[in-house]
């Protein structure tokens, strides 16, 4: 009786330790988000107070009103970010699905070296690629445009997305596609009707990565956009943070952070099941 009791006590201790550590980590990660939300509801004076106050007293929506009236309005900048992010996702998903399917199912000359070169792009410093892309967009007449910006941001998502999709397609049994081919499906038909429903978690994973990267991107919009009405949310937040005599307007900045993080949180909470499954079944296979 002693041994089973000791094992139960040890198991209970490990469980308690796990929950304790998880709770501490959850508090650490959630604290900045809660602090941003509380600070956004303070008056401008309280938001910039030293030492800072913990709770808004009284609750004020003045910071959100300032964002709504700043420049073109936060709605216009939010639309620019949303348009760019959605277009980035569409371009990334289409190219990654087709490329991943090609690498997983077809044999062609230089297949492995080409795949290695694509993955090697991940090792190239991000900033070094912006100048060549800026010159290329200039020749294409797509500088200072949201479409050009979306194409640039999609370029940086392709290596990781192709890796995810190739491994996702390789996890699909070839027998299923061969059975579809017997029913008259060609390669694209088998891709559409057989493989795509199975690799949906991988597609969601690629989409989430592309959306979050584009939505939060600052450096690329800073370089490629010159017209104020085309600015995205990160650029708008950098401009709105400057208060009187160079003082940082923390209230407006925190309100902008809250607005910017809401779509990311909603998307992740809605799609987290597919996201985790896509990472496990796609990225960790092959």
C-alpha atoms as a PDB file:
ATOM      1  CA  UNK A   1       0.000   0.000   0.000  1.00  0.00           C
ATOM      2  CA  UNK A   2       2.893   2.332   0.638  1.00  0.00           C
ATOM      3  CA  UNK A   3       4.300   2.197  -2.884  1.00  0.00           C
ATOM      4  CA  UNK A   4       1.021   3.036  -4.687  1.00  0.00           C
ATOM      5  CA  UNK A   5       0.370   5.845  -2.189  1.00  0.00           C
ATOM      6  CA  UNK A   6       3.815   7.318  -2.763  1.00  0.00           C
ATOM      7  CA  UNK A   7       3.312   7.142  -6.520  1.00  0.00           C
ATOM      8  CA  UNK A   8      -0.017   8.936  -6.221  1.00  0.00           C
ATOM      9  CA  UNK A   9       1.563  11.626  -4.054  1.00  0.00           C
ATOM     10  CA  UNK A  10       4.416  12.035  -6.538  1.00  0.00           C
ATOM     11  CA  UNK A  11       1.977  12.239  -9.453  1.00  0.00           C
ATOM     12  CA  UNK A  12      -0.123  14.807  -7.585  1.00  0.00           C
ATOM     13  CA  UNK A  13       3.027  16.812  -6.849  1.00  0.00           C
ATOM     14  CA  UNK A  14       4.063  16.813 -10.503  1.00  0.00           C
ATOM     15  CA  UNK A  15       0.573  17.852 -11.554  1.00  0.00           C
ATOM     16  CA  UNK A  16       0.507  20.685  -9.024  1.00  0.00           C
ATOM     17  CA  UNK A  17       3.955  21.871 -10.120  1.00  0.00           C
ATOM     18  CA  UNK A  18       2.861  21.787 -13.755  1.00  0.00           C
ATOM     19  CA  UNK A  19      -0.231  23.896 -13.031  1.00  0.00           C
ATOM     20  CA  UNK A  20       1.789  26.316 -10.897  1.00  0.00           C
ATOM     21  CA  UNK A  21       4.410  26.873 -13.586  1.00  0.00           C
ATOM     22  CA  UNK A  22       1.721  27.171 -16.269  1.00  0.00           C
ATOM     23  CA  UNK A  23      -0.165  29.747 -14.201  1.00  0.00           C
ATOM     24  CA  UNK A  24       2.973  31.819 -13.630  1.00  0.00           C
ATOM     25  CA  UNK A  25       3.812  31.751 -17.340  1.00  0.00           C
ATOM     26  CA  UNK A  26       0.216  32.682 -18.239  1.00  0.00           C
ATOM     27  CA  UNK A  27       0.363  35.698 -15.899  1.00  0.00           C
ATOM     28  CA  UNK A  28       3.717  36.775 -17.376  1.00  0.00           C
ATOM     29  CA  UNK A  29       2.424  36.589 -20.936  1.00  0.00           C
ATOM     30  CA  UNK A  30      -0.988  38.117 -20.223  1.00  0.00           C
ATOM     31  CA  UNK A  31       0.242  41.000 -18.070  1.00  0.00           C
ATOM     32  CA  UNK A  32       1.397  43.227 -20.993  1.00  0.00           C
ATOM     33  CA  UNK A  33      -1.932  42.712 -22.761  1.00  0.00           C
ATOM     34  CA  UNK A  34      -3.970  43.560 -19.670  1.00  0.00           C
ATOM     35  CA  UNK A  35      -1.738  46.558 -18.935  1.00  0.00           C
ATOM     36  CA  UNK A  36      -2.216  47.861 -22.490  1.00  0.00           C
ATOM     37  CA  UNK A  37      -5.997  47.513 -22.172  1.00  0.00           C
ATOM     38  CA  UNK A  38      -6.115  49.295 -18.787  1.00  0.00           C
ATOM     39  CA  UNK A  39      -3.784  52.065 -19.963  1.00  0.00           C
ATOM     40  CA  UNK A  40      -5.903  52.651 -23.066  1.00  0.00           C
ATOM     41  CA  UNK A  41      -8.913  53.361 -20.819  1.00  0.00           C
ATOM     42  CA  UNK A  42      -7.109  56.021 -18.770  1.00  0.00           C
ATOM     43  CA  UNK A  43      -7.209  59.734 -19.396  1.00  0.00           C
ATOM     44  CA  UNK A  44      -4.129  61.121 -21.189  1.00  0.00           C
ATOM     45  CA  UNK A  45      -2.885  62.609 -17.905  1.00  0.00           C
ATOM     46  CA  UNK A  46      -3.249  59.338 -15.994  1.00  0.00           C
ATOM     47  CA  UNK A  47      -1.694  57.323 -18.828  1.00  0.00           C
ATOM     48  CA  UNK A  48       1.456  59.477 -18.657  1.00  0.00           C
ATOM     49  CA  UNK A  49       1.507  59.753 -14.855  1.00  0.00           C
ATOM     50  CA  UNK A  50       4.734  58.987 -12.967  1.00  0.00           C
ATOM     51  CA  UNK A  51       4.583  56.721 -11.047  1.00  0.00           C
ATOM     52  CA  UNK A  52       1.931  54.960 -13.150  1.00  0.00           C
ATOM     53  CA  UNK A  53      -1.493  54.170 -11.770  1.00  0.00           C
ATOM     54  CA  UNK A  54      -2.831  50.630 -11.998  1.00  0.00           C
ATOM     55  CA  UNK A  55      -6.524  51.158 -12.716  1.00  0.00           C
ATOM     56  CA  UNK A  56      -8.238  53.836 -14.830  1.00  0.00           C
ATOM     57  CA  UNK A  57     -10.070  56.300 -12.620  1.00  0.00           C
ATOM     58  CA  UNK A  58     -12.322  57.333 -14.222  1.00  0.00           C
ATOM     59  CA  UNK A  59     -12.641  55.122 -17.287  1.00  0.00           C
ATOM     60  CA  UNK A  60     -12.102  57.253 -20.386  1.00  0.00           C
ATOM     61  CA  UNK A  61     -12.475  56.568 -24.114  1.00  0.00           C
ATOM     62  CA  UNK A  62     -10.551  59.707 -25.020  1.00  0.00           C
ATOM     63  CA  UNK A  63      -7.584  57.770 -26.369  1.00  0.00           C
ATOM     64  CA  UNK A  64      -9.781  55.866 -28.819  1.00  0.00           C
ATOM     65  CA  UNK A  65     -11.436  59.125 -29.863  1.00  0.00           C
ATOM     66  CA  UNK A  66      -8.005  60.600 -30.560  1.00  0.00           C
ATOM     67  CA  UNK A  67      -7.173  57.606 -32.761  1.00  0.00           C
ATOM     68  CA  UNK A  68     -10.442  57.983 -34.651  1.00  0.00           C
ATOM     69  CA  UNK A  69      -9.672  61.627 -35.472  1.00  0.00           C
ATOM     70  CA  UNK A  70      -5.935  61.250 -36.148  1.00  0.00           C
ATOM     71  CA  UNK A  71      -4.963  61.764 -39.781  1.00  0.00           C
ATOM     72  CA  UNK A  72      -7.205  59.692 -42.023  1.00  0.00           C
ATOM     73  CA  UNK A  73      -8.691  57.975 -38.976  1.00  0.00           C
ATOM     74  CA  UNK A  74      -7.750  54.630 -37.503  1.00  0.00           C
ATOM     75  CA  UNK A  75     -10.413  52.953 -39.642  1.00  0.00           C
ATOM     76  CA  UNK A  76      -8.589  53.929 -42.843  1.00  0.00           C
ATOM     77  CA  UNK A  77      -5.223  52.728 -41.534  1.00  0.00           C
ATOM     78  CA  UNK A  78      -6.820  49.541 -40.251  1.00  0.00           C
ATOM     79  CA  UNK A  79      -8.344  48.924 -43.688  1.00  0.00           C
ATOM     80  CA  UNK A  80      -4.920  49.386 -45.301  1.00  0.00           C
ATOM     81  CA  UNK A  81      -3.445  46.796 -42.939  1.00  0.00           C
ATOM     82  CA  UNK A  82      -6.353  44.413 -43.480  1.00  0.00           C
ATOM     83  CA  UNK A  83      -6.212  44.719 -47.272  1.00  0.00           C
ATOM     84  CA  UNK A  84      -2.459  44.139 -47.295  1.00  0.00           C
ATOM     85  CA  UNK A  85      -2.679  41.195 -44.896  1.00  0.00           C
ATOM     86  CA  UNK A  86      -5.524  39.466 -46.766  1.00  0.00           C
ATOM     87  CA  UNK A  87      -3.795  39.887 -50.127  1.00  0.00           C
ATOM     88  CA  UNK A  88      -0.560  38.576 -48.608  1.00  0.00           C
ATOM     89  CA  UNK A  89      -2.412  35.526 -47.311  1.00  0.00           C
ATOM     90  CA  UNK A  90      -4.055  34.823 -50.678  1.00  0.00           C
ATOM     91  CA  UNK A  91      -0.811  35.085 -52.644  1.00  0.00           C
ATOM     92  CA  UNK A  92       1.120  33.073 -50.060  1.00  0.00           C
ATOM     93  CA  UNK A  93      -1.442  30.271 -49.798  1.00  0.00           C
ATOM     94  CA  UNK A  94      -1.863  29.843 -53.568  1.00  0.00           C
ATOM     95  CA  UNK A  95       1.869  29.751 -54.259  1.00  0.00           C
ATOM     96  CA  UNK A  96       2.734  27.595 -51.251  1.00  0.00           C
ATOM     97  CA  UNK A  97       0.000  25.045 -51.971  1.00  0.00           C
ATOM     98  CA  UNK A  98       1.028  24.651 -55.605  1.00  0.00           C
ATOM     99  CA  UNK A  99       4.755  24.614 -54.840  1.00  0.00           C
ATOM    100  CA  UNK A 100       4.352  22.287 -51.870  1.00  0.00           C
ATOM    101  CA  UNK A 101       2.242  19.886 -53.928  1.00  0.00           C
ATOM    102  CA  UNK A 102       4.792  19.951 -56.728  1.00  0.00           C
ATOM    103  CA  UNK A 103       7.705  19.189 -54.414  1.00  0.00           C
ATOM    104  CA  UNK A 104       5.765  16.424 -52.666  1.00  0.00           C
ATOM    105  CA  UNK A 105       4.291  14.622 -55.672  1.00  0.00           C
ATOM    106  CA  UNK A 106       6.422  15.233 -58.781  1.00  0.00           C
ATOM    107  CA  UNK A 107       9.973  14.406 -59.778  1.00  0.00           C
ATOM    108  CA  UNK A 108      11.842  16.935 -61.897  1.00  0.00           C
ATOM    109  CA  UNK A 109      15.403  17.950 -62.638  1.00  0.00           C
ATOM    110  CA  UNK A 110      17.001  19.907 -59.794  1.00  0.00           C
ATOM    111  CA  UNK A 111      14.156  19.260 -57.356  1.00  0.00           C
ATOM    112  CA  UNK A 112      16.258  18.862 -54.213  1.00  0.00           C
ATOM    113  CA  UNK A 113      18.762  21.669 -54.989  1.00  0.00           C
ATOM    114  CA  UNK A 114      15.857  24.026 -55.732  1.00  0.00           C
ATOM    115  CA  UNK A 115      14.158  23.138 -52.452  1.00  0.00           C
ATOM    116  CA  UNK A 116      17.414  23.736 -50.564  1.00  0.00           C
ATOM    117  CA  UNK A 117      17.802  27.136 -52.247  1.00  0.00           C
ATOM    118  CA  UNK A 118      14.245  28.081 -51.230  1.00  0.00           C
ATOM    119  CA  UNK A 119      14.939  27.139 -47.620  1.00  0.00           C
ATOM    120  CA  UNK A 120      18.282  28.979 -47.740  1.00  0.00           C
ATOM    121  CA  UNK A 121      16.332  32.224 -48.188  1.00  0.00           C
ATOM    122  CA  UNK A 122      15.375  31.876 -44.508  1.00  0.00           C
ATOM    123  CA  UNK A 123      19.038  32.458 -43.621  1.00  0.00           C
ATOM    124  CA  UNK A 124      19.294  35.700 -45.606  1.00  0.00           C
ATOM    125  CA  UNK A 125      18.950  38.804 -43.380  1.00  0.00           C
ATOM    126  CA  UNK A 126      15.547  40.343 -43.863  1.00  0.00           C
ATOM    127  CA  UNK A 127      16.737  43.920 -44.348  1.00  0.00           C
ATOM    128  CA  UNK A 128      19.221  43.022 -47.107  1.00  0.00           C
ATOM    129  CA  UNK A 129      16.395  41.927 -49.395  1.00  0.00           C
ATOM    130  CA  UNK A 130      14.368  45.121 -49.135  1.00  0.00           C
ATOM    131  CA  UNK A 131      16.565  47.294 -51.374  1.00  0.00           C
ATOM    132  CA  UNK A 132      16.551  44.861 -54.352  1.00  0.00           C
ATOM    133  CA  UNK A 133      12.788  44.440 -53.959  1.00  0.00           C
ATOM    134  CA  UNK A 134      12.375  48.225 -53.798  1.00  0.00           C
ATOM    135  CA  UNK A 135      14.271  48.611 -57.080  1.00  0.00           C
ATOM    136  CA  UNK A 136      12.263  45.781 -58.659  1.00  0.00           C
ATOM    137  CA  UNK A 137       8.942  47.337 -57.658  1.00  0.00           C
ATOM    138  CA  UNK A 138      10.172  50.631 -59.096  1.00  0.00           C
ATOM    139  CA  UNK A 139      10.671  48.990 -62.493  1.00  0.00           C
ATOM    140  CA  UNK A 140       7.214  47.425 -62.218  1.00  0.00           C
ATOM    141  CA  UNK A 141       5.606  50.733 -61.241  1.00  0.00           C
ATOM    142  CA  UNK A 142       4.323  49.293 -57.958  1.00  0.00           C
ATOM    143  CA  UNK A 143       6.166  51.425 -55.415  1.00  0.00           C
ATOM    144  CA  UNK A 144       4.008  53.245 -52.882  1.00  0.00           C
ATOM    145  CA  UNK A 145       1.108  50.824 -53.348  1.00  0.00           C
ATOM    146  CA  UNK A 146      -0.556  48.339 -51.038  1.00  0.00           C
ATOM    147  CA  UNK A 147      -0.531  45.657 -53.747  1.00  0.00           C
ATOM    148  CA  UNK A 148       3.239  45.980 -54.147  1.00  0.00           C
ATOM    149  CA  UNK A 149       3.673  45.888 -50.373  1.00  0.00           C
ATOM    150  CA  UNK A 150       1.558  42.720 -50.150  1.00  0.00           C
ATOM    151  CA  UNK A 151       3.657  41.027 -52.829  1.00  0.00           C
ATOM    152  CA  UNK A 152       6.843  41.908 -50.950  1.00  0.00           C
ATOM    153  CA  UNK A 153       5.489  40.551 -47.681  1.00  0.00           C
ATOM    154  CA  UNK A 154       4.334  37.372 -49.442  1.00  0.00           C
ATOM    155  CA  UNK A 155       7.880  36.813 -50.711  1.00  0.00           C
ATOM    156  CA  UNK A 156       9.170  36.539 -47.149  1.00  0.00           C
ATOM    157  CA  UNK A 157       6.485  33.981 -46.249  1.00  0.00           C
ATOM    158  CA  UNK A 158       7.123  31.611 -49.156  1.00  0.00           C
ATOM    159  CA  UNK A 159      10.109  29.567 -47.843  1.00  0.00           C
ATOM    160  CA  UNK A 160       8.460  28.600 -44.558  1.00  0.00           C
ATOM    161  CA  UNK A 161       5.057  28.154 -46.198  1.00  0.00           C
ATOM    162  CA  UNK A 162       6.432  25.868 -48.917  1.00  0.00           C
ATOM    163  CA  UNK A 163       8.181  23.788 -46.260  1.00  0.00           C
ATOM    164  CA  UNK A 164       4.945  23.411 -44.293  1.00  0.00           C
ATOM    165  CA  UNK A 165       2.862  22.523 -47.342  1.00  0.00           C
ATOM    166  CA  UNK A 166       5.384  20.086 -48.819  1.00  0.00           C
ATOM    167  CA  UNK A 167       5.526  18.141 -45.564  1.00  0.00           C
ATOM    168  CA  UNK A 168       1.734  18.325 -45.231  1.00  0.00           C
ATOM    169  CA  UNK A 169       1.217  16.842 -48.694  1.00  0.00           C
ATOM    170  CA  UNK A 170       3.821  14.162 -48.047  1.00  0.00           C
ATOM    171  CA  UNK A 171       1.766  13.053 -45.039  1.00  0.00           C
ATOM    172  CA  UNK A 172      -1.194  12.317 -47.376  1.00  0.00           C
ATOM    173  CA  UNK A 173      -1.141   8.674 -48.586  1.00  0.00           C
ATOM    174  CA  UNK A 174      -0.506   8.456 -52.314  1.00  0.00           C
ATOM    175  CA  UNK A 175      -3.071   5.657 -52.518  1.00  0.00           C
ATOM    176  CA  UNK A 176      -5.873   8.175 -52.082  1.00  0.00           C
ATOM    177  CA  UNK A 177      -4.747  10.213 -55.077  1.00  0.00           C
ATOM    178  CA  UNK A 178      -4.168   7.078 -57.139  1.00  0.00           C
ATOM    179  CA  UNK A 179      -7.719   6.004 -56.401  1.00  0.00           C
ATOM    180  CA  UNK A 180      -8.938   9.414 -57.529  1.00  0.00           C
ATOM    181  CA  UNK A 181      -6.937   9.113 -60.735  1.00  0.00           C
ATOM    182  CA  UNK A 182      -8.724   5.835 -61.493  1.00  0.00           C
ATOM    183  CA  UNK A 183     -11.987   7.775 -61.298  1.00  0.00           C
ATOM    184  CA  UNK A 184     -10.714  10.203 -63.924  1.00  0.00           C
ATOM    185  CA  UNK A 185      -9.129  12.920 -61.773  1.00  0.00           C
ATOM    186  CA  UNK A 186      -5.963  14.532 -63.058  1.00  0.00           C
ATOM    187  CA  UNK A 187      -3.248  15.941 -60.767  1.00  0.00           C
ATOM    188  CA  UNK A 188      -5.149  19.196 -60.169  1.00  0.00           C
ATOM    189  CA  UNK A 189      -8.392  17.299 -59.623  1.00  0.00           C
ATOM    190  CA  UNK A 190      -6.755  15.033 -57.068  1.00  0.00           C
ATOM    191  CA  UNK A 191      -5.254  18.086 -55.393  1.00  0.00           C
ATOM    192  CA  UNK A 192      -8.598  19.845 -55.179  1.00  0.00           C
ATOM    193  CA  UNK A 193     -10.883  16.975 -54.210  1.00  0.00           C
ATOM    194  CA  UNK A 194      -8.582  14.687 -52.211  1.00  0.00           C
ATOM    195  CA  UNK A 195      -5.500  16.379 -50.810  1.00  0.00           C
ATOM    196  CA  UNK A 196      -6.699  19.888 -50.002  1.00  0.00           C
ATOM    197  CA  UNK A 197      -9.356  18.842 -47.448  1.00  0.00           C
ATOM    198  CA  UNK A 198      -6.776  16.676 -45.684  1.00  0.00           C
ATOM    199  CA  UNK A 199      -4.070  19.383 -45.516  1.00  0.00           C
ATOM    200  CA  UNK A 200      -6.478  22.085 -44.307  1.00  0.00           C
ATOM    201  CA  UNK A 201      -4.585  22.438 -40.971  1.00  0.00           C
ATOM    202  CA  UNK A 202      -1.378  23.136 -42.907  1.00  0.00           C
ATOM    203  CA  UNK A 203      -3.134  25.761 -45.035  1.00  0.00           C
ATOM    204  CA  UNK A 204      -4.520  27.428 -41.905  1.00  0.00           C
ATOM    205  CA  UNK A 205      -1.042  27.428 -40.365  1.00  0.00           C
ATOM    206  CA  UNK A 206       0.483  29.108 -43.417  1.00  0.00           C
ATOM    207  CA  UNK A 207      -2.402  31.597 -43.538  1.00  0.00           C
ATOM    208  CA  UNK A 208      -2.024  32.536 -39.882  1.00  0.00           C
ATOM    209  CA  UNK A 209       1.718  33.043 -40.168  1.00  0.00           C
ATOM    210  CA  UNK A 210       1.269  35.183 -43.279  1.00  0.00           C
ATOM    211  CA  UNK A 211      -1.539  37.262 -41.770  1.00  0.00           C
ATOM    212  CA  UNK A 212       0.221  37.934 -38.462  1.00  0.00           C
ATOM    213  CA  UNK A 213       3.512  38.770 -40.164  1.00  0.00           C
ATOM    214  CA  UNK A 214       1.851  41.191 -42.582  1.00  0.00           C
ATOM    215  CA  UNK A 215      -0.455  42.754 -39.988  1.00  0.00           C
ATOM    216  CA  UNK A 216       2.428  43.519 -37.614  1.00  0.00           C
ATOM    217  CA  UNK A 217       5.036  44.415 -40.240  1.00  0.00           C
ATOM    218  CA  UNK A 218       6.698  47.813 -39.774  1.00  0.00           C
ATOM    219  CA  UNK A 219       9.954  47.974 -41.738  1.00  0.00           C
ATOM    220  CA  UNK A 220       8.580  47.046 -45.173  1.00  0.00           C
ATOM    221  CA  UNK A 221       5.687  49.581 -45.068  1.00  0.00           C
ATOM    222  CA  UNK A 222       8.131  52.219 -43.800  1.00  0.00           C
ATOM    223  CA  UNK A 223      10.309  51.720 -46.877  1.00  0.00           C
ATOM    224  CA  UNK A 224       7.728  51.025 -49.591  1.00  0.00           C
ATOM    225  CA  UNK A 225       4.972  53.485 -48.619  1.00  0.00           C
ATOM    226  CA  UNK A 226       5.357  57.240 -48.994  1.00  0.00           C
ATOM    227  CA  UNK A 227       1.752  58.466 -49.096  1.00  0.00           C
ATOM    228  CA  UNK A 228       0.228  59.081 -45.675  1.00  0.00           C
ATOM    229  CA  UNK A 229      -3.235  57.810 -46.589  1.00  0.00           C
ATOM    230  CA  UNK A 230      -1.706  54.417 -47.474  1.00  0.00           C
ATOM    231  CA  UNK A 231       0.026  53.937 -44.122  1.00  0.00           C
ATOM    232  CA  UNK A 232      -0.698  50.759 -42.191  1.00  0.00           C
ATOM    233  CA  UNK A 233      -1.458  50.518 -38.472  1.00  0.00           C
ATOM    234  CA  UNK A 234       2.171  50.067 -37.305  1.00  0.00           C
ATOM    235  CA  UNK A 235       3.228  53.228 -39.161  1.00  0.00           C
ATOM    236  CA  UNK A 236       0.231  55.095 -37.811  1.00  0.00           C
ATOM    237  CA  UNK A 237       1.078  54.072 -34.240  1.00  0.00           C
ATOM    238  CA  UNK A 238       4.643  55.317 -34.578  1.00  0.00           C
ATOM    239  CA  UNK A 239       3.345  58.695 -35.717  1.00  0.00           C
ATOM    240  CA  UNK A 240       0.540  58.984 -33.163  1.00  0.00           C
ATOM    241  CA  UNK A 241       2.780  58.286 -30.177  1.00  0.00           C
ATOM    242  CA  UNK A 242       4.417  61.738 -30.372  1.00  0.00           C
ATOM    243  CA  UNK A 243       2.680  64.198 -28.090  1.00  0.00           C
ATOM    244  CA  UNK A 244       3.384  67.811 -27.149  1.00  0.00           C
ATOM    245  CA  UNK A 245       7.081  68.803 -27.186  1.00  0.00           C
ATOM    246  CA  UNK A 246       8.120  65.271 -28.107  1.00  0.00           C
ATOM    247  CA  UNK A 247       6.358  63.690 -25.128  1.00  0.00           C
ATOM    248  CA  UNK A 248       5.140  60.159 -25.829  1.00  0.00           C
ATOM    249  CA  UNK A 249       1.371  59.847 -25.715  1.00  0.00           C
ATOM    250  CA  UNK A 250       1.209  56.480 -23.959  1.00  0.00           C
ATOM    251  CA  UNK A 251      -2.585  56.476 -23.783  1.00  0.00           C
ATOM    252  CA  UNK A 252      -3.086  56.788 -27.539  1.00  0.00           C
ATOM    253  CA  UNK A 253      -0.242  54.349 -28.169  1.00  0.00           C
ATOM    254  CA  UNK A 254      -1.756  51.713 -25.875  1.00  0.00           C
ATOM    255  CA  UNK A 255      -5.189  52.221 -27.422  1.00  0.00           C
ATOM    256  CA  UNK A 256      -3.643  51.615 -30.836  1.00  0.00           C
ATOM    257  CA  UNK A 257      -1.938  48.477 -29.541  1.00  0.00           C
ATOM    258  CA  UNK A 258      -5.286  47.152 -28.284  1.00  0.00           C
ATOM    259  CA  UNK A 259      -6.959  47.819 -31.641  1.00  0.00           C
ATOM    260  CA  UNK A 260      -4.075  46.178 -33.499  1.00  0.00           C
ATOM    261  CA  UNK A 261      -3.984  43.041 -31.378  1.00  0.00           C
ATOM    262  CA  UNK A 262      -7.738  42.294 -31.416  1.00  0.00           C
ATOM    263  CA  UNK A 263      -7.818  40.738 -34.932  1.00  0.00           C
ATOM    264  CA  UNK A 264      -4.737  38.636 -34.141  1.00  0.00           C
ATOM    265  CA  UNK A 265      -6.266  37.299 -30.922  1.00  0.00           C
ATOM    266  CA  UNK A 266      -9.619  36.557 -32.552  1.00  0.00           C
ATOM    267  CA  UNK A 267      -8.027  34.730 -35.481  1.00  0.00           C
ATOM    268  CA  UNK A 268      -5.781  32.669 -33.255  1.00  0.00           C
ATOM    269  CA  UNK A 269      -8.580  31.716 -30.847  1.00  0.00           C
ATOM    270  CA  UNK A 270     -10.868  30.704 -33.712  1.00  0.00           C
ATOM    271  CA  UNK A 271      -8.237  28.752 -35.651  1.00  0.00           C
ATOM    272  CA  UNK A 272      -5.925  27.500 -32.908  1.00  0.00           C
ATOM    273  CA  UNK A 273      -7.102  23.894 -33.293  1.00  0.00           C
ATOM    274  CA  UNK A 274      -6.107  23.866 -36.966  1.00  0.00           C
ATOM    275  CA  UNK A 275      -2.955  25.847 -36.232  1.00  0.00           C
ATOM    276  CA  UNK A 276      -1.580  23.371 -33.694  1.00  0.00           C
ATOM    277  CA  UNK A 277      -2.615  20.407 -35.832  1.00  0.00           C
ATOM    278  CA  UNK A 278      -0.944  21.934 -38.871  1.00  0.00           C
ATOM    279  CA  UNK A 279       2.338  22.426 -37.049  1.00  0.00           C
ATOM    280  CA  UNK A 280       2.328  18.876 -35.726  1.00  0.00           C
ATOM    281  CA  UNK A 281       1.177  17.093 -38.875  1.00  0.00           C
ATOM    282  CA  UNK A 282       2.958  19.302 -41.367  1.00  0.00           C
ATOM    283  CA  UNK A 283       6.078  20.911 -39.989  1.00  0.00           C
ATOM    284  CA  UNK A 284       7.196  17.913 -37.948  1.00  0.00           C
ATOM    285  CA  UNK A 285       6.803  15.341 -40.740  1.00  0.00           C
ATOM    286  CA  UNK A 286       8.972  14.553 -43.712  1.00  0.00           C
END
